[in-house]
Amino acid sequence: MRAIELVLRGEHIALDALLKSTGLAPSGGAAKAMVAEGLVQVDGRDELRKTCKIRAGQVVKVGDARVRVVAGPVDAQAAERP
């Protein structure tokens, strides 16, 4: 199984964007088609929502690839805002 680690730049990433950014899908349209066809699992469950929000700690599986999503560095300015 191919293991990929994706570091988030914000709070979440859309599922189709994750598939494209990790190279598991060649385009956004292909990513959406993969999800619609039931080829993608999130945390061990089939996911049919193309733009569902994927957050740190979740695992996305497509075929023989497994993507573990981890939190990126905290934005210091955002942390200071009330």
PDB file of N, CA and C in Angstrom:
ATOM      1  N   MET A   1       0.842  -1.176   0.000  1.00  0.00           N
ATOM      2  CA  MET A   1       0.000   0.000   0.000  1.00  0.00           C
ATOM      3  C   MET A   1       0.891   1.245   0.000  1.00  0.00           C
ATOM      4  N   ARG A   2       0.541   2.190  -0.822  1.00  0.00           N
ATOM      5  CA  ARG A   2       1.285   3.447  -0.921  1.00  0.00           C
ATOM      6  C   ARG A   2       0.776   4.407   0.145  1.00  0.00           C
ATOM      7  N   ALA A   3       1.677   4.916   0.965  1.00  0.00           N
ATOM      8  CA  ALA A   3       1.306   5.832   2.047  1.00  0.00           C
ATOM      9  C   ALA A   3       1.730   7.250   1.680  1.00  0.00           C
ATOM     10  N   ILE A   4       0.788   8.178   1.827  1.00  0.00           N
ATOM     11  CA  ILE A   4       1.028   9.595   1.536  1.00  0.00           C
ATOM     12  C   ILE A   4       0.636  10.388   2.769  1.00  0.00           C
ATOM     13  N   GLU A   5       1.421  11.399   3.093  1.00  0.00           N
ATOM     14  CA  GLU A   5       1.069  12.308   4.196  1.00  0.00           C
ATOM     15  C   GLU A   5       0.811  13.682   3.603  1.00  0.00           C
ATOM     16  N   LEU A   6      -0.341  14.256   3.906  1.00  0.00           N
ATOM     17  CA  LEU A   6      -0.705  15.579   3.414  1.00  0.00           C
ATOM     18  C   LEU A   6      -0.762  16.534   4.598  1.00  0.00           C
ATOM     19  N   VAL A   7       0.016  17.603   4.532  1.00  0.00           N
ATOM     20  CA  VAL A   7       0.027  18.610   5.587  1.00  0.00           C
ATOM     21  C   VAL A   7      -0.949  19.717   5.198  1.00  0.00           C
ATOM     22  N   LEU A   8      -1.927  19.959   6.057  1.00  0.00           N
ATOM     23  CA  LEU A   8      -2.920  20.993   5.792  1.00  0.00           C
ATOM     24  C   LEU A   8      -2.324  22.383   5.932  1.00  0.00           C
ATOM     25  N   ARG A   9      -2.798  23.301   5.098  1.00  0.00           N
ATOM     26  CA  ARG A   9      -2.403  24.703   5.210  1.00  0.00           C
ATOM     27  C   ARG A   9      -3.453  25.499   5.964  1.00  0.00           C
ATOM     28  N   GLY A  10      -4.633  24.969   6.094  1.00  0.00           N
ATOM     29  CA  GLY A  10      -5.736  25.619   6.805  1.00  0.00           C
ATOM     30  C   GLY A  10      -6.418  24.601   7.697  1.00  0.00           C
ATOM     31  N   GLU A  11      -7.695  24.843   7.974  1.00  0.00           N
ATOM     32  CA  GLU A  11      -8.449  23.934   8.838  1.00  0.00           C
ATOM     33  C   GLU A  11      -8.890  22.666   8.121  1.00  0.00           C
ATOM     34  N   HIS A  12      -9.101  22.771   6.803  1.00  0.00           N
ATOM     35  CA  HIS A  12      -9.608  21.621   6.044  1.00  0.00           C
ATOM     36  C   HIS A  12      -9.244  21.759   4.579  1.00  0.00           C
ATOM     37  N   ILE A  13      -9.495  20.679   3.834  1.00  0.00           N
ATOM     38  CA  ILE A  13      -9.335  20.665   2.381  1.00  0.00           C
ATOM     39  C   ILE A  13     -10.501  19.870   1.815  1.00  0.00           C
ATOM     40  N   ALA A  14     -11.018  20.299   0.683  1.00  0.00           N
ATOM     41  CA  ALA A  14     -12.105  19.565   0.033  1.00  0.00           C
ATOM     42  C   ALA A  14     -11.559  18.236  -0.497  1.00  0.00           C
ATOM     43  N   LEU A  15     -12.378  17.206  -0.441  1.00  0.00           N
ATOM     44  CA  LEU A  15     -11.945  15.872  -0.854  1.00  0.00           C
ATOM     45  C   LEU A  15     -11.427  15.865  -2.283  1.00  0.00           C
ATOM     46  N   ASP A  16     -12.136  16.499  -3.209  1.00  0.00           N
ATOM     47  CA  ASP A  16     -11.670  16.496  -4.601  1.00  0.00           C
ATOM     48  C   ASP A  16     -10.338  17.227  -4.743  1.00  0.00           C
ATOM     49  N   ALA A  17     -10.138  18.297  -3.984  1.00  0.00           N
ATOM     50  CA  ALA A  17      -8.869  19.027  -4.018  1.00  0.00           C
ATOM     51  C   ALA A  17      -7.735  18.172  -3.444  1.00  0.00           C
ATOM     52  N   LEU A  18      -8.028  17.397  -2.412  1.00  0.00           N
ATOM     53  CA  LEU A  18      -7.030  16.503  -1.828  1.00  0.00           C
ATOM     54  C   LEU A  18      -6.576  15.471  -2.854  1.00  0.00           C
ATOM     55  N   LEU A  19      -7.522  14.879  -3.562  1.00  0.00           N
ATOM     56  CA  LEU A  19      -7.184  13.860  -4.557  1.00  0.00           C
ATOM     57  C   LEU A  19      -6.313  14.436  -5.663  1.00  0.00           C
ATOM     58  N   LYS A  20      -6.619  15.651  -6.087  1.00  0.00           N
ATOM     59  CA  LYS A  20      -5.836  16.299  -7.135  1.00  0.00           C
ATOM     60  C   LYS A  20      -4.449  16.694  -6.616  1.00  0.00           C
ATOM     61  N   SER A  21      -4.391  17.283  -5.426  1.00  0.00           N
ATOM     62  CA  SER A  21      -3.106  17.768  -4.907  1.00  0.00           C
ATOM     63  C   SER A  21      -2.134  16.640  -4.559  1.00  0.00           C
ATOM     64  N   THR A  22      -2.640  15.472  -4.232  1.00  0.00           N
ATOM     65  CA  THR A  22      -1.763  14.341  -3.930  1.00  0.00           C
ATOM     66  C   THR A  22      -1.395  13.538  -5.177  1.00  0.00           C
ATOM     67  N   GLY A  23      -1.979  13.889  -6.311  1.00  0.00           N
ATOM     68  CA  GLY A  23      -1.674  13.186  -7.553  1.00  0.00           C
ATOM     69  C   GLY A  23      -2.476  11.913  -7.735  1.00  0.00           C
ATOM     70  N   LEU A  24      -3.439  11.673  -6.866  1.00  0.00           N
ATOM     71  CA  LEU A  24      -4.271  10.472  -7.005  1.00  0.00           C
ATOM     72  C   LEU A  24      -5.293  10.633  -8.121  1.00  0.00           C
ATOM     73  N   ALA A  25      -5.549  11.886  -8.506  1.00  0.00           N
ATOM     74  CA  ALA A  25      -6.426  12.179  -9.639  1.00  0.00           C
ATOM     75  C   ALA A  25      -5.704  13.194 -10.520  1.00  0.00           C
ATOM     76  N   PRO A  26      -5.766  13.025 -11.835  1.00  0.00           N
ATOM     77  CA  PRO A  26      -5.050  13.943 -12.734  1.00  0.00           C
ATOM     78  C   PRO A  26      -5.685  15.323 -12.852  1.00  0.00           C
ATOM     79  N   SER A  27      -6.957  15.441 -12.481  1.00  0.00           N
ATOM     80  CA  SER A  27      -7.652  16.727 -12.576  1.00  0.00           C
ATOM     81  C   SER A  27      -8.782  16.771 -11.560  1.00  0.00           C
ATOM     82  N   GLY A  28      -9.342  17.947 -11.369  1.00  0.00           N
ATOM     83  CA  GLY A  28     -10.461  18.083 -10.454  1.00  0.00           C
ATOM     84  C   GLY A  28     -11.685  17.314 -10.934  1.00  0.00           C
ATOM     85  N   GLY A  29     -11.897  17.324 -12.237  1.00  0.00           N
ATOM     86  CA  GLY A  29     -13.026  16.576 -12.806  1.00  0.00           C
ATOM     87  C   GLY A  29     -12.876  15.080 -12.591  1.00  0.00           C
ATOM     88  N   ALA A  30     -11.664  14.597 -12.763  1.00  0.00           N
ATOM     89  CA  ALA A  30     -11.403  13.171 -12.542  1.00  0.00           C
ATOM     90  C   ALA A  30     -11.588  12.825 -11.066  1.00  0.00           C
ATOM     91  N   ALA A  31     -11.173  13.733 -10.189  1.00  0.00           N
ATOM     92  CA  ALA A  31     -11.340  13.500  -8.749  1.00  0.00           C
ATOM     93  C   ALA A  31     -12.816  13.392  -8.399  1.00  0.00           C
ATOM     94  N   LYS A  32     -13.621  14.296  -8.930  1.00  0.00           N
ATOM     95  CA  LYS A  32     -15.061  14.270  -8.662  1.00  0.00           C
ATOM     96  C   LYS A  32     -15.687  12.991  -9.193  1.00  0.00           C
ATOM     97  N   ALA A  33     -15.237  12.541 -10.355  1.00  0.00           N
ATOM     98  CA  ALA A  33     -15.764  11.299 -10.929  1.00  0.00           C
ATOM     99  C   ALA A  33     -15.395  10.100 -10.058  1.00  0.00           C
ATOM    100  N   MET A  34     -14.163  10.085  -9.535  1.00  0.00           N
ATOM    101  CA  MET A  34     -13.737   8.986  -8.664  1.00  0.00           C
ATOM    102  C   MET A  34     -14.623   8.893  -7.424  1.00  0.00           C
ATOM    103  N   VAL A  35     -14.935  10.048  -6.843  1.00  0.00           N
ATOM    104  CA  VAL A  35     -15.783  10.077  -5.651  1.00  0.00           C
ATOM    105  C   VAL A  35     -17.188   9.610  -6.016  1.00  0.00           C
ATOM    106  N   ALA A  36     -17.729  10.134  -7.119  1.00  0.00           N
ATOM    107  CA  ALA A  36     -19.090   9.770  -7.554  1.00  0.00           C
ATOM    108  C   ALA A  36     -19.213   8.274  -7.842  1.00  0.00           C
ATOM    109  N   GLU A  37     -18.137   7.657  -8.299  1.00  0.00           N
ATOM    110  CA  GLU A  37     -18.146   6.220  -8.617  1.00  0.00           C
ATOM    111  C   GLU A  37     -17.957   5.341  -7.381  1.00  0.00           C
ATOM    112  N   GLY A  38     -17.762   5.955  -6.217  1.00  0.00           N
ATOM    113  CA  GLY A  38     -17.617   5.184  -4.989  1.00  0.00           C
ATOM    114  C   GLY A  38     -16.240   4.582  -4.799  1.00  0.00           C
ATOM    115  N   LEU A  39     -15.211   5.186  -5.405  1.00  0.00           N
ATOM    116  CA  LEU A  39     -13.854   4.653  -5.325  1.00  0.00           C
ATOM    117  C   LEU A  39     -13.057   5.198  -4.145  1.00  0.00           C
ATOM    118  N   VAL A  40     -13.660   6.101  -3.362  1.00  0.00           N
ATOM    119  CA  VAL A  40     -12.927   6.785  -2.303  1.00  0.00           C
ATOM    120  C   VAL A  40     -13.550   6.483  -0.941  1.00  0.00           C
ATOM    121  N   GLN A  41     -12.683   6.223   0.027  1.00  0.00           N
ATOM    122  CA  GLN A  41     -13.136   6.019   1.409  1.00  0.00           C
ATOM    123  C   GLN A  41     -12.486   7.060   2.306  1.00  0.00           C
ATOM    124  N   VAL A  42     -13.252   7.538   3.279  1.00  0.00           N
ATOM    125  CA  VAL A  42     -12.736   8.448   4.298  1.00  0.00           C
ATOM    126  C   VAL A  42     -12.969   7.781   5.642  1.00  0.00           C
ATOM    127  N   ASP A  43     -11.905   7.579   6.381  1.00  0.00           N
ATOM    128  CA  ASP A  43     -11.974   6.912   7.684  1.00  0.00           C
ATOM    129  C   ASP A  43     -12.685   5.564   7.603  1.00  0.00           C
ATOM    130  N   GLY A  44     -12.408   4.824   6.514  1.00  0.00           N
ATOM    131  CA  GLY A  44     -12.936   3.477   6.374  1.00  0.00           C
ATOM    132  C   GLY A  44     -14.360   3.373   5.847  1.00  0.00           C
ATOM    133  N   ARG A  45     -14.967   4.512   5.495  1.00  0.00           N
ATOM    134  CA  ARG A  45     -16.341   4.498   4.973  1.00  0.00           C
ATOM    135  C   ARG A  45     -16.372   5.103   3.575  1.00  0.00           C
ATOM    136  N   ASP A  46     -17.198   4.543   2.715  1.00  0.00           N
ATOM    137  CA  ASP A  46     -17.355   5.101   1.376  1.00  0.00           C
ATOM    138  C   ASP A  46     -17.828   6.544   1.487  1.00  0.00           C
ATOM    139  N   GLU A  47     -17.236   7.425   0.683  1.00  0.00           N
ATOM    140  CA  GLU A  47     -17.605   8.840   0.705  1.00  0.00           C
ATOM    141  C   GLU A  47     -18.066   9.258  -0.683  1.00  0.00           C
ATOM    142  N   LEU A  48     -19.280   9.773  -0.783  1.00  0.00           N
ATOM    143  CA  LEU A  48     -19.852  10.178  -2.064  1.00  0.00           C
ATOM    144  C   LEU A  48     -19.994  11.694  -2.193  1.00  0.00           C
ATOM    145  N   ARG A  49     -19.610  12.432  -1.163  1.00  0.00           N
ATOM    146  CA  ARG A  49     -19.662  13.900  -1.232  1.00  0.00           C
ATOM    147  C   ARG A  49     -18.334  14.403  -1.797  1.00  0.00           C
ATOM    148  N   LYS A  50     -18.383  14.960  -2.995  1.00  0.00           N
ATOM    149  CA  LYS A  50     -17.164  15.351  -3.702  1.00  0.00           C
ATOM    150  C   LYS A  50     -16.360  16.421  -2.977  1.00  0.00           C
ATOM    151  N   THR A  51     -17.032  17.319  -2.314  1.00  0.00           N
ATOM    152  CA  THR A  51     -16.328  18.430  -1.665  1.00  0.00           C
ATOM    153  C   THR A  51     -16.422  18.358  -0.144  1.00  0.00           C
ATOM    154  N   CYS A  52     -16.573  17.167   0.401  1.00  0.00           N
ATOM    155  CA  CYS A  52     -16.632  17.071   1.859  1.00  0.00           C
ATOM    156  C   CYS A  52     -15.321  17.575   2.444  1.00  0.00           C
ATOM    157  N   LYS A  53     -15.398  18.162   3.620  1.00  0.00           N
ATOM    158  CA  LYS A  53     -14.233  18.768   4.260  1.00  0.00           C
ATOM    159  C   LYS A  53     -13.409  17.701   4.978  1.00  0.00           C
ATOM    160  N   ILE A  54     -12.167  17.587   4.587  1.00  0.00           N
ATOM    161  CA  ILE A  54     -11.248  16.638   5.202  1.00  0.00           C
ATOM    162  C   ILE A  54     -10.359  17.423   6.166  1.00  0.00           C
ATOM    163  N   ARG A  55     -10.297  16.965   7.407  1.00  0.00           N
ATOM    164  CA  ARG A  55      -9.550  17.670   8.452  1.00  0.00           C
ATOM    165  C   ARG A  55      -8.390  16.811   8.962  1.00  0.00           C
ATOM    166  N   ALA A  56      -7.519  17.442   9.716  1.00  0.00           N
ATOM    167  CA  ALA A  56      -6.374  16.740  10.282  1.00  0.00           C
ATOM    168  C   ALA A  56      -6.844  15.536  11.087  1.00  0.00           C
ATOM    169  N   GLY A  57      -6.134  14.437  10.948  1.00  0.00           N
ATOM    170  CA  GLY A  57      -6.467  13.209  11.664  1.00  0.00           C
ATOM    171  C   GLY A  57      -7.266  12.226  10.832  1.00  0.00           C
ATOM    172  N   GLN A  58      -7.820  12.681   9.717  1.00  0.00           N
ATOM    173  CA  GLN A  58      -8.604  11.778   8.885  1.00  0.00           C
ATOM    174  C   GLN A  58      -7.702  11.040   7.896  1.00  0.00           C
ATOM    175  N   VAL A  59      -8.200   9.904   7.419  1.00  0.00           N
ATOM    176  CA  VAL A  59      -7.467   9.069   6.466  1.00  0.00           C
ATOM    177  C   VAL A  59      -8.345   8.846   5.247  1.00  0.00           C
ATOM    178  N   VAL A  60      -7.778   9.109   4.076  1.00  0.00           N
ATOM    179  CA  VAL A  60      -8.485   8.926   2.808  1.00  0.00           C
ATOM    180  C   VAL A  60      -7.812   7.774   2.073  1.00  0.00           C
ATOM    181  N   LYS A  61      -8.623   6.856   1.562  1.00  0.00           N
ATOM    182  CA  LYS A  61      -8.090   5.684   0.853  1.00  0.00           C
ATOM    183  C   LYS A  61      -8.680   5.620  -0.544  1.00  0.00           C
ATOM    184  N   VAL A  62      -7.795   5.414  -1.523  1.00  0.00           N
ATOM    185  CA  VAL A  62      -8.194   5.242  -2.919  1.00  0.00           C
ATOM    186  C   VAL A  62      -7.341   4.127  -3.490  1.00  0.00           C
ATOM    187  N   GLY A  63      -7.972   3.034  -3.859  1.00  0.00           N
ATOM    188  CA  GLY A  63      -7.221   1.907  -4.405  1.00  0.00           C
ATOM    189  C   GLY A  63      -6.160   1.437  -3.422  1.00  0.00           C
ATOM    190  N   ASP A  64      -4.893   1.430  -3.880  1.00  0.00           N
ATOM    191  CA  ASP A  64      -3.803   0.975  -3.013  1.00  0.00           C
ATOM    192  C   ASP A  64      -3.106   2.147  -2.306  1.00  0.00           C
ATOM    193  N   ALA A  65      -3.684   3.338  -2.381  1.00  0.00           N
ATOM    194  CA  ALA A  65      -3.080   4.514  -1.748  1.00  0.00           C
ATOM    195  C   ALA A  65      -3.863   4.927  -0.507  1.00  0.00           C
ATOM    196  N   ARG A  66      -3.105   5.346   0.504  1.00  0.00           N
ATOM    197  CA  ARG A  66      -3.696   5.785   1.776  1.00  0.00           C
ATOM    198  C   ARG A  66      -3.094   7.146   2.104  1.00  0.00           C
ATOM    199  N   VAL A  67      -3.961   8.158   2.271  1.00  0.00           N
ATOM    200  CA  VAL A  67      -3.507   9.513   2.576  1.00  0.00           C
ATOM    201  C   VAL A  67      -3.864   9.835   4.020  1.00  0.00           C
ATOM    202  N   ARG A  68      -2.829  10.134   4.807  1.00  0.00           N
ATOM    203  CA  ARG A  68      -3.040  10.555   6.191  1.00  0.00           C
ATOM    204  C   ARG A  68      -2.904  12.072   6.220  1.00  0.00           C
ATOM    205  N   VAL A  69      -3.920  12.732   6.749  1.00  0.00           N
ATOM    206  CA  VAL A  69      -3.961  14.195   6.773  1.00  0.00           C
ATOM    207  C   VAL A  69      -3.491  14.674   8.142  1.00  0.00           C
ATOM    208  N   VAL A  70      -2.498  15.563   8.130  1.00  0.00           N
ATOM    209  CA  VAL A  70      -1.939  16.084   9.379  1.00  0.00           C
ATOM    210  C   VAL A  70      -2.047  17.603   9.394  1.00  0.00           C
ATOM    211  N   ALA A  71      -2.092  18.166  10.594  1.00  0.00           N
ATOM    212  CA  ALA A  71      -2.186  19.617  10.755  1.00  0.00           C
ATOM    213  C   ALA A  71      -0.872  20.266  10.373  1.00  0.00           C
ATOM    214  N   GLY A  72      -0.968  21.401   9.720  1.00  0.00           N
ATOM    215  CA  GLY A  72       0.213  22.176   9.365  1.00  0.00           C
ATOM    216  C   GLY A  72       0.563  23.133  10.485  1.00  0.00           C
ATOM    217  N   PRO A  73       1.564  23.966  10.256  1.00  0.00           N
ATOM    218  CA  PRO A  73       1.952  24.941  11.278  1.00  0.00           C
ATOM    219  C   PRO A  73       0.817  25.916  11.555  1.00  0.00           C
ATOM    220  N   VAL A  74       0.733  26.346  12.793  1.00  0.00           N
ATOM    221  CA  VAL A  74      -0.318  27.277  13.198  1.00  0.00           C
ATOM    222  C   VAL A  74       0.042  28.667  12.690  1.00  0.00           C
ATOM    223  N   ASP A  75      -0.934  29.350  12.130  1.00  0.00           N
ATOM    224  CA  ASP A  75      -0.756  30.727  11.678  1.00  0.00           C
ATOM    225  C   ASP A  75      -0.724  31.624  12.909  1.00  0.00           C
ATOM    226  N   ALA A  76       0.413  32.237  13.180  1.00  0.00           N
ATOM    227  CA  ALA A  76       0.589  33.028  14.405  1.00  0.00           C
ATOM    228  C   ALA A  76      -0.392  34.201  14.444  1.00  0.00           C
ATOM    229  N   GLN A  77      -0.647  34.851  13.318  1.00  0.00           N
ATOM    230  CA  GLN A  77      -1.569  35.991  13.308  1.00  0.00           C
ATOM    231  C   GLN A  77      -2.986  35.533  13.602  1.00  0.00           C
ATOM    232  N   ALA A  78      -3.394  34.394  13.063  1.00  0.00           N
ATOM    233  CA  ALA A  78      -4.747  33.882  13.297  1.00  0.00           C
ATOM    234  C   ALA A  78      -4.915  33.509  14.765  1.00  0.00           C
ATOM    235  N   ALA A  79      -3.863  33.005  15.394  1.00  0.00           N
ATOM    236  CA  ALA A  79      -3.933  32.600  16.786  1.00  0.00           C
ATOM    237  C   ALA A  79      -4.111  33.801  17.720  1.00  0.00           C
ATOM    238  N   GLU A  80      -3.629  34.962  17.270  1.00  0.00           N
ATOM    239  CA  GLU A  80      -3.720  36.161  18.100  1.00  0.00           C
ATOM    240  C   GLU A  80      -5.059  36.861  17.976  1.00  0.00           C
ATOM    241  N   ARG A  81      -5.822  36.578  16.939  1.00  0.00           N
ATOM    242  CA  ARG A  81      -7.125  37.243  16.743  1.00  0.00           C
ATOM    243  C   ARG A  81      -8.114  36.787  17.812  1.00  0.00           C
ATOM    244  N   PRO A  82      -8.974  37.729  18.251  1.00  0.00           N
ATOM    245  CA  PRO A  82      -9.978  37.369  19.269  1.00  0.00           C
ATOM    246  C   PRO A  82     -11.050  36.451  18.732  1.00  0.00           C
TER     247      PRO A  82
END
